[in-house]
Amino acid sequence: MMVWSWWELLSGGPVYDIPKGRKDGRRSKVEDTLIAPAPTFNASELVRVSGLRGFSAQDMVALSGGHTLGVARCLTFKNRLSDPVDPTMDSDFSKTLSKTCSGGDDAEQTFDMTRNHFDNFYFQALQRKSGVLFSDQTLYNNPITKSIVKGYAMNQAKFFLDFEQAMVKMSLLDVKEGSQGEVRADCRKIN
């Protein structure tokens, strides 16, 4: 069965099959999301944490490309603007982020110039030293991940293919350890 990703319907992104039968957890709590990498992680930390879940550096960079959609709140990147300003950031871009943050911690900044289109512009922004989060920009500053970022910036089809494969891999992860989970009859509610 072909499953259309929501961004394909909205913005022309990748399409991929998700295997049926994955068990979902029986609860939805914010503390269960704390396993996500912090926006302050460097590339080595991102690779290490992703590796613990069975993902390669390439998988992690491809999944980070999901940042091509949406926004980040000032709260998640304002530390890059402190004295001294993060030297890995383009000086004009730091002014843009400062202007955004003048609106407060909840002010939003797009990850790239096409916030509603799934494309490879996120990776192109990293090449211009315009990554919003430290964890984004570090992908271009680290020799382990830089070549992957450059490849995706030049080849959107390659990014889409690797993103599709990493998302399918993610869909096969078991629910939180110790939780039996369930295959839901209706994905919107617990059985």
C-alpha atoms as a PDB file:
ATOM      1  CA  MET A   1       0.000   0.000   0.000  1.00  0.00           C
ATOM      2  CA  MET A   2       1.369   3.439  -0.937  1.00  0.00           C
ATOM      3  CA  VAL A   3       1.170   6.025   1.813  1.00  0.00           C
ATOM      4  CA  TRP A   4       1.375   9.662   0.812  1.00  0.00           C
ATOM      5  CA  SER A   5       3.284  11.813   3.206  1.00  0.00           C
ATOM      6  CA  TRP A   6       1.431  14.948   4.309  1.00  0.00           C
ATOM      7  CA  TRP A   7       4.139  17.185   2.849  1.00  0.00           C
ATOM      8  CA  GLU A   8       3.755  15.495  -0.544  1.00  0.00           C
ATOM      9  CA  LEU A   9       0.148  16.568  -0.615  1.00  0.00           C
ATOM     10  CA  LEU A  10       1.030  20.108   0.485  1.00  0.00           C
ATOM     11  CA  SER A  11       4.426  20.817  -0.964  1.00  0.00           C
ATOM     12  CA  GLY A  12       5.714  18.234  -3.420  1.00  0.00           C
ATOM     13  CA  GLY A  13       7.998  16.236  -1.149  1.00  0.00           C
ATOM     14  CA  PRO A  14       9.014  12.576  -1.073  1.00  0.00           C
ATOM     15  CA  VAL A  15       6.563   9.674  -1.095  1.00  0.00           C
ATOM     16  CA  TYR A  16       7.248   6.350   0.595  1.00  0.00           C
ATOM     17  CA  ASP A  17       5.633   3.155   1.857  1.00  0.00           C
ATOM     18  CA  ILE A  18       5.324   2.698   5.608  1.00  0.00           C
ATOM     19  CA  PRO A  19       4.985  -0.923   6.734  1.00  0.00           C
ATOM     20  CA  LYS A  20       1.699  -1.719   8.488  1.00  0.00           C
ATOM     21  CA  GLY A  21       1.422  -3.047  12.006  1.00  0.00           C
ATOM     22  CA  ARG A  22       3.768  -0.814  13.996  1.00  0.00           C
ATOM     23  CA  LYS A  23       2.754  -0.699  17.632  1.00  0.00           C
ATOM     24  CA  ASP A  24       1.935   2.722  19.035  1.00  0.00           C
ATOM     25  CA  GLY A  25       2.336   3.604  22.689  1.00  0.00           C
ATOM     26  CA  ARG A  26      -0.746   3.835  24.883  1.00  0.00           C
ATOM     27  CA  ARG A  27       0.120   7.309  26.157  1.00  0.00           C
ATOM     28  CA  SER A  28       1.275  10.648  24.835  1.00  0.00           C
ATOM     29  CA  LYS A  29       3.429  12.544  27.334  1.00  0.00           C
ATOM     30  CA  VAL A  30       5.902  15.366  26.742  1.00  0.00           C
ATOM     31  CA  GLU A  31       8.547  13.604  28.834  1.00  0.00           C
ATOM     32  CA  ASP A  32       8.577  10.789  26.267  1.00  0.00           C
ATOM     33  CA  THR A  33       9.915  13.260  23.668  1.00  0.00           C
ATOM     34  CA  LEU A  34      12.971  14.147  25.727  1.00  0.00           C
ATOM     35  CA  ILE A  35      14.990  11.542  23.836  1.00  0.00           C
ATOM     36  CA  ALA A  36      15.063  13.919  20.855  1.00  0.00           C
ATOM     37  CA  PRO A  37      18.456  15.577  20.323  1.00  0.00           C
ATOM     38  CA  ALA A  38      18.792  19.068  21.798  1.00  0.00           C
ATOM     39  CA  PRO A  39      19.194  22.080  19.478  1.00  0.00           C
ATOM     40  CA  THR A  40      22.544  22.697  21.197  1.00  0.00           C
ATOM     41  CA  PHE A  41      24.058  19.323  20.220  1.00  0.00           C
ATOM     42  CA  ASN A  42      27.071  19.331  17.933  1.00  0.00           C
ATOM     43  CA  ALA A  43      27.378  16.961  14.959  1.00  0.00           C
ATOM     44  CA  SER A  44      29.391  14.386  16.916  1.00  0.00           C
ATOM     45  CA  GLU A  45      26.702  14.257  19.608  1.00  0.00           C
ATOM     46  CA  LEU A  46      23.976  13.992  16.953  1.00  0.00           C
ATOM     47  CA  VAL A  47      25.787  11.106  15.244  1.00  0.00           C
ATOM     48  CA  ARG A  48      26.330   9.343  18.587  1.00  0.00           C
ATOM     49  CA  VAL A  49      22.713   9.710  19.786  1.00  0.00           C
ATOM     50  CA  SER A  50      21.332   8.675  16.389  1.00  0.00           C
ATOM     51  CA  GLY A  51      23.666   5.682  16.345  1.00  0.00           C
ATOM     52  CA  LEU A  52      22.180   4.481  19.627  1.00  0.00           C
ATOM     53  CA  ARG A  53      18.877   4.103  17.787  1.00  0.00           C
ATOM     54  CA  GLY A  54      20.493   2.348  14.810  1.00  0.00           C
ATOM     55  CA  PHE A  55      20.772   5.341  12.471  1.00  0.00           C
ATOM     56  CA  SER A  56      23.868   6.194  10.453  1.00  0.00           C
ATOM     57  CA  ALA A  57      25.275   9.699  10.094  1.00  0.00           C
ATOM     58  CA  GLN A  58      23.663   9.814   6.652  1.00  0.00           C
ATOM     59  CA  ASP A  59      20.266   8.823   8.102  1.00  0.00           C
ATOM     60  CA  MET A  60      20.568  11.538  10.742  1.00  0.00           C
ATOM     61  CA  VAL A  61      21.482  14.261   8.234  1.00  0.00           C
ATOM     62  CA  ALA A  62      18.654  13.196   5.917  1.00  0.00           C
ATOM     63  CA  LEU A  63      16.151  13.280   8.794  1.00  0.00           C
ATOM     64  CA  SER A  64      17.468  16.700   9.843  1.00  0.00           C
ATOM     65  CA  GLY A  65      16.407  17.842   6.377  1.00  0.00           C
ATOM     66  CA  GLY A  66      12.843  17.654   7.679  1.00  0.00           C
ATOM     67  CA  HIS A  67      13.666  21.107   9.040  1.00  0.00           C
ATOM     68  CA  THR A  68      13.042  22.369   5.525  1.00  0.00           C
ATOM     69  CA  LEU A  69       9.457  22.704   6.735  1.00  0.00           C
ATOM     70  CA  GLY A  70       8.292  24.870   9.566  1.00  0.00           C
ATOM     71  CA  VAL A  71       9.865  27.232  12.042  1.00  0.00           C
ATOM     72  CA  ALA A  72      11.938  27.415  15.217  1.00  0.00           C
ATOM     73  CA  ARG A  73      11.070  29.605  18.182  1.00  0.00           C
ATOM     74  CA  CYS A  74      13.621  32.165  19.344  1.00  0.00           C
ATOM     75  CA  LEU A  75      13.945  30.280  22.622  1.00  0.00           C
ATOM     76  CA  THR A  76      15.681  27.438  20.752  1.00  0.00           C
ATOM     77  CA  PHE A  77      18.359  29.554  19.065  1.00  0.00           C
ATOM     78  CA  LYS A  78      18.800  32.790  21.042  1.00  0.00           C
ATOM     79  CA  ASN A  79      21.866  31.343  22.816  1.00  0.00           C
ATOM     80  CA  ARG A  80      23.694  31.687  19.472  1.00  0.00           C
ATOM     81  CA  LEU A  81      23.207  35.454  19.655  1.00  0.00           C
ATOM     82  CA  SER A  82      24.815  35.920  23.075  1.00  0.00           C
ATOM     83  CA  ASP A  83      28.130  37.691  23.489  1.00  0.00           C
ATOM     84  CA  PRO A  84      30.047  36.459  21.614  1.00  0.00           C
ATOM     85  CA  VAL A  85      27.758  35.739  18.670  1.00  0.00           C
ATOM     86  CA  ASP A  86      28.204  32.208  17.303  1.00  0.00           C
ATOM     87  CA  PRO A  87      31.147  32.571  14.860  1.00  0.00           C
ATOM     88  CA  THR A  88      29.834  29.745  12.651  1.00  0.00           C
ATOM     89  CA  MET A  89      26.900  31.957  11.639  1.00  0.00           C
ATOM     90  CA  ASP A  90      26.840  34.474   8.784  1.00  0.00           C
ATOM     91  CA  SER A  91      26.871  38.002  10.249  1.00  0.00           C
ATOM     92  CA  ASP A  92      23.865  39.180   8.214  1.00  0.00           C
ATOM     93  CA  PHE A  93      21.949  36.075   9.248  1.00  0.00           C
ATOM     94  CA  SER A  94      22.736  36.745  12.915  1.00  0.00           C
ATOM     95  CA  LYS A  95      21.115  40.168  12.456  1.00  0.00           C
ATOM     96  CA  THR A  96      18.037  38.469  11.012  1.00  0.00           C
ATOM     97  CA  LEU A  97      17.847  36.138  14.023  1.00  0.00           C
ATOM     98  CA  SER A  98      18.344  39.064  16.427  1.00  0.00           C
ATOM     99  CA  LYS A  99      15.475  40.911  14.767  1.00  0.00           C
ATOM    100  CA  THR A 100      13.297  37.821  15.093  1.00  0.00           C
ATOM    101  CA  CYS A 101      14.141  37.495  18.786  1.00  0.00           C
ATOM    102  CA  SER A 102      13.204  41.117  19.414  1.00  0.00           C
ATOM    103  CA  GLY A 103       9.663  39.713  19.307  1.00  0.00           C
ATOM    104  CA  GLY A 104      10.321  37.512  22.371  1.00  0.00           C
ATOM    105  CA  ASP A 105      11.045  33.852  23.040  1.00  0.00           C
ATOM    106  CA  ASP A 106       8.009  32.651  21.075  1.00  0.00           C
ATOM    107  CA  ALA A 107       8.884  34.626  17.925  1.00  0.00           C
ATOM    108  CA  GLU A 108       9.342  32.278  14.968  1.00  0.00           C
ATOM    109  CA  GLN A 109      12.093  31.982  12.373  1.00  0.00           C
ATOM    110  CA  THR A 110      11.782  29.787   9.279  1.00  0.00           C
ATOM    111  CA  PHE A 111      14.510  27.184   8.756  1.00  0.00           C
ATOM    112  CA  ASP A 112      14.849  28.200   5.110  1.00  0.00           C
ATOM    113  CA  MET A 113      13.171  30.541   2.649  1.00  0.00           C
ATOM    114  CA  THR A 114      10.585  27.956   1.543  1.00  0.00           C
ATOM    115  CA  ARG A 115       8.992  27.025   4.886  1.00  0.00           C
ATOM    116  CA  ASN A 116       5.969  25.319   3.271  1.00  0.00           C
ATOM    117  CA  HIS A 117       7.818  23.385   0.565  1.00  0.00           C
ATOM    118  CA  PHE A 118       9.732  20.181   1.079  1.00  0.00           C
ATOM    119  CA  ASP A 119      12.969  20.748  -0.807  1.00  0.00           C
ATOM    120  CA  ASN A 120      16.732  20.877  -0.288  1.00  0.00           C
ATOM    121  CA  PHE A 121      16.902  24.615   0.527  1.00  0.00           C
ATOM    122  CA  TYR A 122      17.625  23.762   4.194  1.00  0.00           C
ATOM    123  CA  PHE A 123      20.965  22.250   3.135  1.00  0.00           C
ATOM    124  CA  GLN A 124      21.728  25.229   0.904  1.00  0.00           C
ATOM    125  CA  ALA A 125      21.118  27.518   3.898  1.00  0.00           C
ATOM    126  CA  LEU A 126      23.658  25.520   5.926  1.00  0.00           C
ATOM    127  CA  GLN A 127      26.251  26.125   3.197  1.00  0.00           C
ATOM    128  CA  ARG A 128      25.585  29.879   3.513  1.00  0.00           C
ATOM    129  CA  LYS A 129      26.130  29.663   7.316  1.00  0.00           C
ATOM    130  CA  SER A 130      22.421  30.330   7.795  1.00  0.00           C
ATOM    131  CA  GLY A 131      21.390  27.353   9.891  1.00  0.00           C
ATOM    132  CA  VAL A 132      18.865  28.496  12.496  1.00  0.00           C
ATOM    133  CA  LEU A 133      19.739  26.007  15.236  1.00  0.00           C
ATOM    134  CA  PHE A 134      23.276  25.304  16.352  1.00  0.00           C
ATOM    135  CA  SER A 135      22.537  21.608  15.764  1.00  0.00           C
ATOM    136  CA  ASP A 136      21.631  22.460  12.154  1.00  0.00           C
ATOM    137  CA  GLN A 137      24.721  24.528  11.362  1.00  0.00           C
ATOM    138  CA  THR A 138      27.080  22.043  13.009  1.00  0.00           C
ATOM    139  CA  LEU A 139      26.172  19.527  10.296  1.00  0.00           C
ATOM    140  CA  TYR A 140      28.046  21.689   7.783  1.00  0.00           C
ATOM    141  CA  ASN A 141      30.926  22.445  10.120  1.00  0.00           C
ATOM    142  CA  ASN A 142      31.825  18.832  10.901  1.00  0.00           C
ATOM    143  CA  PRO A 143      33.951  16.762   8.476  1.00  0.00           C
ATOM    144  CA  ILE A 144      31.831  13.653   9.132  1.00  0.00           C
ATOM    145  CA  THR A 145      28.592  15.266   7.975  1.00  0.00           C
ATOM    146  CA  LYS A 146      29.719  18.157   5.744  1.00  0.00           C
ATOM    147  CA  SER A 147      30.012  16.050   2.590  1.00  0.00           C
ATOM    148  CA  ILE A 148      26.492  14.682   3.141  1.00  0.00           C
ATOM    149  CA  VAL A 149      25.098  18.221   3.514  1.00  0.00           C
ATOM    150  CA  LYS A 150      26.924  19.327   0.344  1.00  0.00           C
ATOM    151  CA  GLY A 151      25.576  16.325  -1.541  1.00  0.00           C
ATOM    152  CA  TYR A 152      21.990  17.036  -0.528  1.00  0.00           C
ATOM    153  CA  ALA A 153      22.380  20.758  -1.300  1.00  0.00           C
ATOM    154  CA  MET A 154      23.386  19.831  -4.872  1.00  0.00           C
ATOM    155  CA  ASN A 155      21.059  16.869  -5.398  1.00  0.00           C
ATOM    156  CA  GLN A 156      17.484  17.136  -4.149  1.00  0.00           C
ATOM    157  CA  ALA A 157      16.557  13.718  -5.565  1.00  0.00           C
ATOM    158  CA  LYS A 158      19.307  12.074  -3.482  1.00  0.00           C
ATOM    159  CA  PHE A 159      18.053  13.888  -0.372  1.00  0.00           C
ATOM    160  CA  PHE A 160      14.480  12.728  -1.049  1.00  0.00           C
ATOM    161  CA  LEU A 161      15.588   9.109  -1.551  1.00  0.00           C
ATOM    162  CA  ASP A 162      17.684   9.053   1.635  1.00  0.00           C
ATOM    163  CA  PHE A 163      14.954  10.835   3.599  1.00  0.00           C
ATOM    164  CA  GLU A 164      12.385   8.260   2.453  1.00  0.00           C
ATOM    165  CA  GLN A 165      14.628   5.381   3.510  1.00  0.00           C
ATOM    166  CA  ALA A 166      15.394   6.954   6.902  1.00  0.00           C
ATOM    167  CA  MET A 167      11.691   7.614   7.568  1.00  0.00           C
ATOM    168  CA  VAL A 168      10.820   3.993   6.801  1.00  0.00           C
ATOM    169  CA  LYS A 169      13.640   2.926   9.133  1.00  0.00           C
ATOM    170  CA  MET A 170      12.239   5.239  11.811  1.00  0.00           C
ATOM    171  CA  SER A 171       8.770   3.778  11.360  1.00  0.00           C
ATOM    172  CA  LEU A 172      10.170   0.378  12.315  1.00  0.00           C
ATOM    173  CA  LEU A 173      11.479   1.549  15.699  1.00  0.00           C
ATOM    174  CA  ASP A 174       9.758  -0.077  18.624  1.00  0.00           C
ATOM    175  CA  VAL A 175       7.730   2.050  20.994  1.00  0.00           C
ATOM    176  CA  LYS A 176       9.355   3.093  24.255  1.00  0.00           C
ATOM    177  CA  GLU A 177      11.153   0.197  25.936  1.00  0.00           C
ATOM    178  CA  GLY A 178       8.951  -1.701  28.367  1.00  0.00           C
ATOM    179  CA  SER A 179       5.768  -0.592  26.627  1.00  0.00           C
ATOM    180  CA  GLN A 180       3.799  -3.248  24.818  1.00  0.00           C
ATOM    181  CA  GLY A 181       1.905  -0.748  22.702  1.00  0.00           C
ATOM    182  CA  GLU A 182      -0.894  -1.612  20.337  1.00  0.00           C
ATOM    183  CA  VAL A 183      -1.783  -1.614  16.677  1.00  0.00           C
ATOM    184  CA  ARG A 184      -4.594   0.921  16.606  1.00  0.00           C
ATOM    185  CA  ALA A 185      -7.872   0.324  14.835  1.00  0.00           C
ATOM    186  CA  ASP A 186      -8.246   4.124  14.581  1.00  0.00           C
ATOM    187  CA  CYS A 187      -4.951   6.035  14.535  1.00  0.00           C
ATOM    188  CA  ARG A 188      -6.548   8.990  16.321  1.00  0.00           C
ATOM    189  CA  LYS A 189      -7.354   7.150  19.561  1.00  0.00           C
ATOM    190  CA  ILE A 190      -6.226   4.359  21.858  1.00  0.00           C
ATOM    191  CA  ASN A 191      -8.131   1.082  21.280  1.00  0.00           C
END
